[in-house]
Amino acid sequence: MKTISHRFSILLLAAAALTGVVGCASTETKESTGQYMDDTAITTKVKAAIFKDEALKSAEINVETFKGVVQLSGFVKSAADIQHAVDVVKAVGGVRSVKNDMRMK
């Protein structure tokens, strides 16, 4: 009886460990916990860079990051501001690429 209980405990521990690993893994549509934290930091740095830039400071730009890909949406005054925003974002550390969904007012 003790052997069965011991085997069951080992099996339960292995299942729990596997569930923990799979639960934190990423997929194409889901980030791991570490990736989420990295993306949050990238989003914060991108927002700060946009706010510090005098040409973009008053623009209505929304920022979202998923696996290092930054998506910009919102409104700016000109096509030149759109390109400038993309250039500013590309210079931020950790940004893999930029998706531009911004529009002119």
N, C-alpha and C. Protein backbone atom coordinates (compact mmCIF):
# COMPACT_ATOMS: atom_id res chain seq x y z
N MET A 1 0.82 -1.19 0.00
CA MET A 1 0.00 0.00 0.00
C MET A 1 0.87 1.25 0.00
N LYS A 2 1.97 1.19 0.72
CA LYS A 2 2.86 2.35 0.80
C LYS A 2 3.50 2.63 -0.56
N THR A 3 3.81 1.60 -1.32
CA THR A 3 4.41 1.75 -2.64
C THR A 3 3.44 2.42 -3.60
N ILE A 4 2.17 2.07 -3.56
CA ILE A 4 1.15 2.67 -4.42
C ILE A 4 1.00 4.14 -4.07
N SER A 5 0.97 4.46 -2.81
CA SER A 5 0.87 5.84 -2.36
C SER A 5 2.08 6.65 -2.80
N HIS A 6 3.27 6.06 -2.72
CA HIS A 6 4.50 6.73 -3.13
C HIS A 6 4.49 6.99 -4.64
N ARG A 7 4.08 6.00 -5.42
CA ARG A 7 4.01 6.16 -6.88
C ARG A 7 2.99 7.22 -7.27
N PHE A 8 1.86 7.22 -6.59
CA PHE A 8 0.82 8.22 -6.86
C PHE A 8 1.34 9.63 -6.57
N SER A 9 2.08 9.78 -5.49
CA SER A 9 2.66 11.09 -5.14
C SER A 9 3.64 11.55 -6.20
N ILE A 10 4.47 10.66 -6.70
CA ILE A 10 5.43 11.01 -7.74
C ILE A 10 4.70 11.40 -9.02
N LEU A 11 3.67 10.64 -9.38
CA LEU A 11 2.88 10.93 -10.57
C LEU A 11 2.19 12.29 -10.44
N LEU A 12 1.62 12.56 -9.29
CA LEU A 12 0.96 13.84 -9.05
C LEU A 12 1.95 14.99 -9.12
N LEU A 13 3.13 14.84 -8.58
CA LEU A 13 4.17 15.86 -8.63
C LEU A 13 4.62 16.11 -10.06
N ALA A 14 4.79 15.05 -10.84
CA ALA A 14 5.19 15.19 -12.24
C ALA A 14 4.11 15.92 -13.05
N ALA A 15 2.85 15.59 -12.81
CA ALA A 15 1.75 16.25 -13.50
C ALA A 15 1.69 17.74 -13.15
N ALA A 16 1.90 18.05 -11.89
CA ALA A 16 1.89 19.45 -11.46
C ALA A 16 3.04 20.22 -12.11
N ALA A 17 4.20 19.63 -12.17
CA ALA A 17 5.35 20.29 -12.79
C ALA A 17 5.10 20.53 -14.27
N LEU A 18 4.56 19.54 -14.96
CA LEU A 18 4.26 19.68 -16.38
C LEU A 18 3.21 20.75 -16.62
N THR A 19 2.19 20.80 -15.79
CA THR A 19 1.15 21.82 -15.91
C THR A 19 1.74 23.20 -15.70
N GLY A 20 2.64 23.35 -14.76
CA GLY A 20 3.28 24.63 -14.52
C GLY A 20 4.11 25.10 -15.69
N VAL A 21 4.83 24.19 -16.31
CA VAL A 21 5.66 24.53 -17.46
C VAL A 21 4.79 24.89 -18.66
N VAL A 22 3.78 24.10 -18.93
CA VAL A 22 2.91 24.35 -20.07
C VAL A 22 2.10 25.61 -19.85
N GLY A 23 1.70 25.88 -18.64
CA GLY A 23 0.91 27.07 -18.33
C GLY A 23 1.67 28.36 -18.55
N CYS A 24 2.98 28.35 -18.48
CA CYS A 24 3.79 29.55 -18.67
C CYS A 24 4.40 29.62 -20.06
N ALA A 25 4.17 28.65 -20.89
CA ALA A 25 4.75 28.62 -22.23
C ALA A 25 3.98 29.56 -23.15
N SER A 26 4.66 30.03 -24.19
CA SER A 26 4.00 30.91 -25.13
C SER A 26 3.55 30.14 -26.36
N THR A 27 2.57 30.71 -27.04
CA THR A 27 2.12 30.20 -28.32
C THR A 27 2.09 31.38 -29.28
N GLU A 28 1.58 31.16 -30.48
CA GLU A 28 1.51 32.27 -31.44
C GLU A 28 0.59 33.38 -30.98
N THR A 29 -0.43 33.04 -30.24
CA THR A 29 -1.41 34.03 -29.81
C THR A 29 -1.33 34.36 -28.33
N LYS A 30 -0.42 33.75 -27.60
CA LYS A 30 -0.32 33.96 -26.15
C LYS A 30 1.14 34.13 -25.76
N GLU A 31 1.40 35.09 -24.89
CA GLU A 31 2.75 35.34 -24.41
C GLU A 31 3.02 34.54 -23.14
N SER A 32 4.28 34.24 -22.91
CA SER A 32 4.66 33.69 -21.62
C SER A 32 4.70 34.84 -20.62
N THR A 33 4.82 34.52 -19.36
CA THR A 33 4.88 35.55 -18.33
C THR A 33 6.08 36.46 -18.55
N GLY A 34 7.22 35.88 -18.88
CA GLY A 34 8.43 36.68 -19.12
C GLY A 34 8.28 37.59 -20.33
N GLN A 35 7.67 37.08 -21.40
CA GLN A 35 7.45 37.91 -22.58
C GLN A 35 6.49 39.04 -22.27
N TYR A 36 5.47 38.77 -21.49
CA TYR A 36 4.52 39.82 -21.10
C TYR A 36 5.24 40.93 -20.34
N MET A 37 6.12 40.56 -19.43
CA MET A 37 6.86 41.55 -18.67
C MET A 37 7.80 42.35 -19.58
N ASP A 38 8.46 41.67 -20.51
CA ASP A 38 9.34 42.35 -21.47
C ASP A 38 8.53 43.32 -22.33
N ASP A 39 7.39 42.89 -22.81
CA ASP A 39 6.55 43.75 -23.64
C ASP A 39 6.02 44.95 -22.88
N THR A 40 5.71 44.75 -21.61
CA THR A 40 5.26 45.87 -20.78
C THR A 40 6.37 46.91 -20.65
N ALA A 41 7.60 46.45 -20.46
CA ALA A 41 8.73 47.37 -20.37
C ALA A 41 8.96 48.09 -21.70
N ILE A 42 8.85 47.39 -22.80
CA ILE A 42 9.01 48.01 -24.12
C ILE A 42 7.93 49.07 -24.34
N THR A 43 6.69 48.73 -24.03
CA THR A 43 5.59 49.69 -24.18
C THR A 43 5.86 50.95 -23.37
N THR A 44 6.32 50.80 -22.16
CA THR A 44 6.63 51.95 -21.30
C THR A 44 7.74 52.80 -21.91
N LYS A 45 8.80 52.15 -22.41
CA LYS A 45 9.90 52.90 -23.03
C LYS A 45 9.44 53.61 -24.30
N VAL A 46 8.60 52.98 -25.10
CA VAL A 46 8.10 53.59 -26.33
C VAL A 46 7.23 54.81 -26.00
N LYS A 47 6.34 54.67 -25.04
CA LYS A 47 5.49 55.80 -24.65
C LYS A 47 6.33 56.97 -24.15
N ALA A 48 7.36 56.67 -23.37
CA ALA A 48 8.25 57.72 -22.87
C ALA A 48 8.99 58.40 -24.02
N ALA A 49 9.47 57.62 -24.98
CA ALA A 49 10.19 58.20 -26.12
C ALA A 49 9.28 59.11 -26.94
N ILE A 50 8.03 58.69 -27.13
CA ILE A 50 7.07 59.51 -27.88
C ILE A 50 6.77 60.79 -27.11
N PHE A 51 6.57 60.67 -25.82
CA PHE A 51 6.25 61.85 -25.01
C PHE A 51 7.41 62.83 -24.95
N LYS A 52 8.65 62.35 -24.92
CA LYS A 52 9.82 63.22 -24.86
C LYS A 52 10.08 63.95 -26.18
N ASP A 53 9.59 63.40 -27.28
CA ASP A 53 9.80 64.01 -28.59
C ASP A 53 8.83 65.17 -28.76
N GLU A 54 9.36 66.38 -28.95
CA GLU A 54 8.52 67.58 -29.03
C GLU A 54 7.51 67.51 -30.19
N ALA A 55 7.90 66.92 -31.32
CA ALA A 55 7.00 66.86 -32.47
C ALA A 55 5.84 65.90 -32.22
N LEU A 56 6.02 64.92 -31.38
CA LEU A 56 4.99 63.91 -31.14
C LEU A 56 4.28 64.04 -29.80
N LYS A 57 4.77 64.89 -28.96
CA LYS A 57 4.28 65.01 -27.59
C LYS A 57 2.76 65.19 -27.51
N SER A 58 2.21 65.98 -28.41
CA SER A 58 0.77 66.26 -28.34
C SER A 58 -0.06 65.32 -29.22
N ALA A 59 0.60 64.39 -29.89
CA ALA A 59 -0.12 63.46 -30.76
C ALA A 59 -0.91 62.45 -29.92
N GLU A 60 -1.94 61.92 -30.53
CA GLU A 60 -2.78 60.92 -29.87
C GLU A 60 -2.36 59.54 -30.38
N ILE A 61 -1.26 59.03 -29.83
CA ILE A 61 -0.71 57.76 -30.30
C ILE A 61 -0.89 56.70 -29.22
N ASN A 62 -1.49 55.60 -29.61
CA ASN A 62 -1.66 54.46 -28.71
C ASN A 62 -0.58 53.43 -29.03
N VAL A 63 -0.08 52.77 -28.00
CA VAL A 63 1.01 51.81 -28.15
C VAL A 63 0.61 50.47 -27.54
N GLU A 64 0.79 49.40 -28.32
CA GLU A 64 0.60 48.04 -27.82
C GLU A 64 1.79 47.22 -28.29
N THR A 65 2.24 46.29 -27.45
CA THR A 65 3.39 45.46 -27.80
C THR A 65 3.03 43.99 -27.59
N PHE A 66 3.41 43.16 -28.56
CA PHE A 66 3.21 41.72 -28.46
C PHE A 66 4.45 41.04 -29.02
N LYS A 67 5.18 40.36 -28.15
CA LYS A 67 6.40 39.64 -28.51
C LYS A 67 7.41 40.54 -29.23
N GLY A 68 7.56 41.77 -28.73
CA GLY A 68 8.54 42.70 -29.28
C GLY A 68 8.08 43.48 -30.49
N VAL A 69 6.89 43.18 -30.99
CA VAL A 69 6.34 43.91 -32.14
C VAL A 69 5.42 45.01 -31.59
N VAL A 70 5.77 46.26 -31.91
CA VAL A 70 5.03 47.40 -31.40
C VAL A 70 4.01 47.84 -32.44
N GLN A 71 2.76 47.98 -32.02
CA GLN A 71 1.71 48.46 -32.90
C GLN A 71 1.34 49.88 -32.46
N LEU A 72 1.42 50.80 -33.42
CA LEU A 72 1.06 52.19 -33.18
C LEU A 72 -0.28 52.46 -33.84
N SER A 73 -1.17 53.11 -33.11
CA SER A 73 -2.46 53.52 -33.67
C SER A 73 -2.78 54.89 -33.11
N GLY A 74 -3.75 55.54 -33.70
CA GLY A 74 -4.14 56.86 -33.23
C GLY A 74 -3.98 57.89 -34.33
N PHE A 75 -3.85 59.15 -33.92
CA PHE A 75 -3.87 60.25 -34.88
C PHE A 75 -2.68 61.19 -34.70
N VAL A 76 -2.14 61.64 -35.84
CA VAL A 76 -1.07 62.64 -35.87
C VAL A 76 -1.46 63.69 -36.91
N LYS A 77 -0.67 64.77 -36.97
CA LYS A 77 -1.01 65.90 -37.84
C LYS A 77 -0.64 65.68 -39.30
N SER A 78 0.42 64.90 -39.57
CA SER A 78 0.89 64.79 -40.95
C SER A 78 1.51 63.42 -41.22
N ALA A 79 1.73 63.16 -42.52
CA ALA A 79 2.41 61.92 -42.91
C ALA A 79 3.84 61.92 -42.40
N ALA A 80 4.45 63.10 -42.34
CA ALA A 80 5.82 63.20 -41.80
C ALA A 80 5.86 62.80 -40.33
N ASP A 81 4.82 63.16 -39.58
CA ASP A 81 4.75 62.76 -38.16
C ASP A 81 4.59 61.25 -38.01
N ILE A 82 3.87 60.64 -38.94
CA ILE A 82 3.72 59.18 -38.90
C ILE A 82 5.07 58.52 -39.06
N GLN A 83 5.83 58.95 -40.07
CA GLN A 83 7.14 58.37 -40.30
C GLN A 83 8.09 58.67 -39.15
N HIS A 84 8.02 59.89 -38.61
CA HIS A 84 8.87 60.26 -37.47
C HIS A 84 8.58 59.38 -36.26
N ALA A 85 7.29 59.12 -36.01
CA ALA A 85 6.91 58.26 -34.87
C ALA A 85 7.47 56.85 -35.06
N VAL A 86 7.37 56.32 -36.27
CA VAL A 86 7.90 54.99 -36.54
C VAL A 86 9.41 54.97 -36.31
N ASP A 87 10.11 56.01 -36.76
CA ASP A 87 11.57 56.09 -36.57
C ASP A 87 11.94 56.17 -35.09
N VAL A 88 11.18 56.95 -34.33
CA VAL A 88 11.44 57.07 -32.88
C VAL A 88 11.27 55.72 -32.21
N VAL A 89 10.22 55.00 -32.57
CA VAL A 89 9.92 53.71 -31.94
C VAL A 89 10.98 52.67 -32.31
N LYS A 90 11.42 52.66 -33.56
CA LYS A 90 12.43 51.69 -33.98
C LYS A 90 13.73 51.85 -33.22
N ALA A 91 14.01 53.05 -32.71
CA ALA A 91 15.24 53.32 -31.98
C ALA A 91 15.18 52.84 -30.53
N VAL A 92 14.02 52.46 -30.05
CA VAL A 92 13.86 52.00 -28.66
C VAL A 92 14.37 50.56 -28.54
N GLY A 93 15.16 50.31 -27.52
CA GLY A 93 15.71 48.97 -27.28
C GLY A 93 14.63 47.93 -27.06
N GLY A 94 14.79 46.77 -27.69
CA GLY A 94 13.86 45.67 -27.52
C GLY A 94 12.78 45.60 -28.58
N VAL A 95 12.62 46.67 -29.37
CA VAL A 95 11.60 46.68 -30.41
C VAL A 95 12.09 45.85 -31.60
N ARG A 96 11.35 44.81 -31.95
CA ARG A 96 11.72 43.94 -33.08
C ARG A 96 11.21 44.51 -34.39
N SER A 97 9.99 45.04 -34.38
CA SER A 97 9.43 45.65 -35.57
C SER A 97 8.27 46.56 -35.14
N VAL A 98 7.79 47.36 -36.11
CA VAL A 98 6.72 48.31 -35.83
C VAL A 98 5.60 48.12 -36.83
N LYS A 99 4.38 47.99 -36.34
CA LYS A 99 3.18 47.97 -37.19
C LYS A 99 2.53 49.34 -37.07
N ASN A 100 2.36 49.99 -38.19
CA ASN A 100 1.84 51.34 -38.21
C ASN A 100 0.37 51.36 -38.60
N ASP A 101 -0.49 51.72 -37.66
CA ASP A 101 -1.92 51.89 -37.94
C ASP A 101 -2.36 53.32 -37.62
N MET A 102 -1.43 54.27 -37.67
CA MET A 102 -1.76 55.66 -37.36
C MET A 102 -2.43 56.32 -38.56
N ARG A 103 -3.22 57.33 -38.26
CA ARG A 103 -3.93 58.09 -39.29
C ARG A 103 -3.68 59.58 -39.08
N MET A 104 -3.84 60.35 -40.17
CA MET A 104 -3.73 61.81 -40.06
C MET A 104 -5.09 62.37 -39.63
N LYS A 105 -5.03 63.43 -38.85
CA LYS A 105 -6.28 64.09 -38.41
C LYS A 105 -6.91 64.82 -39.58
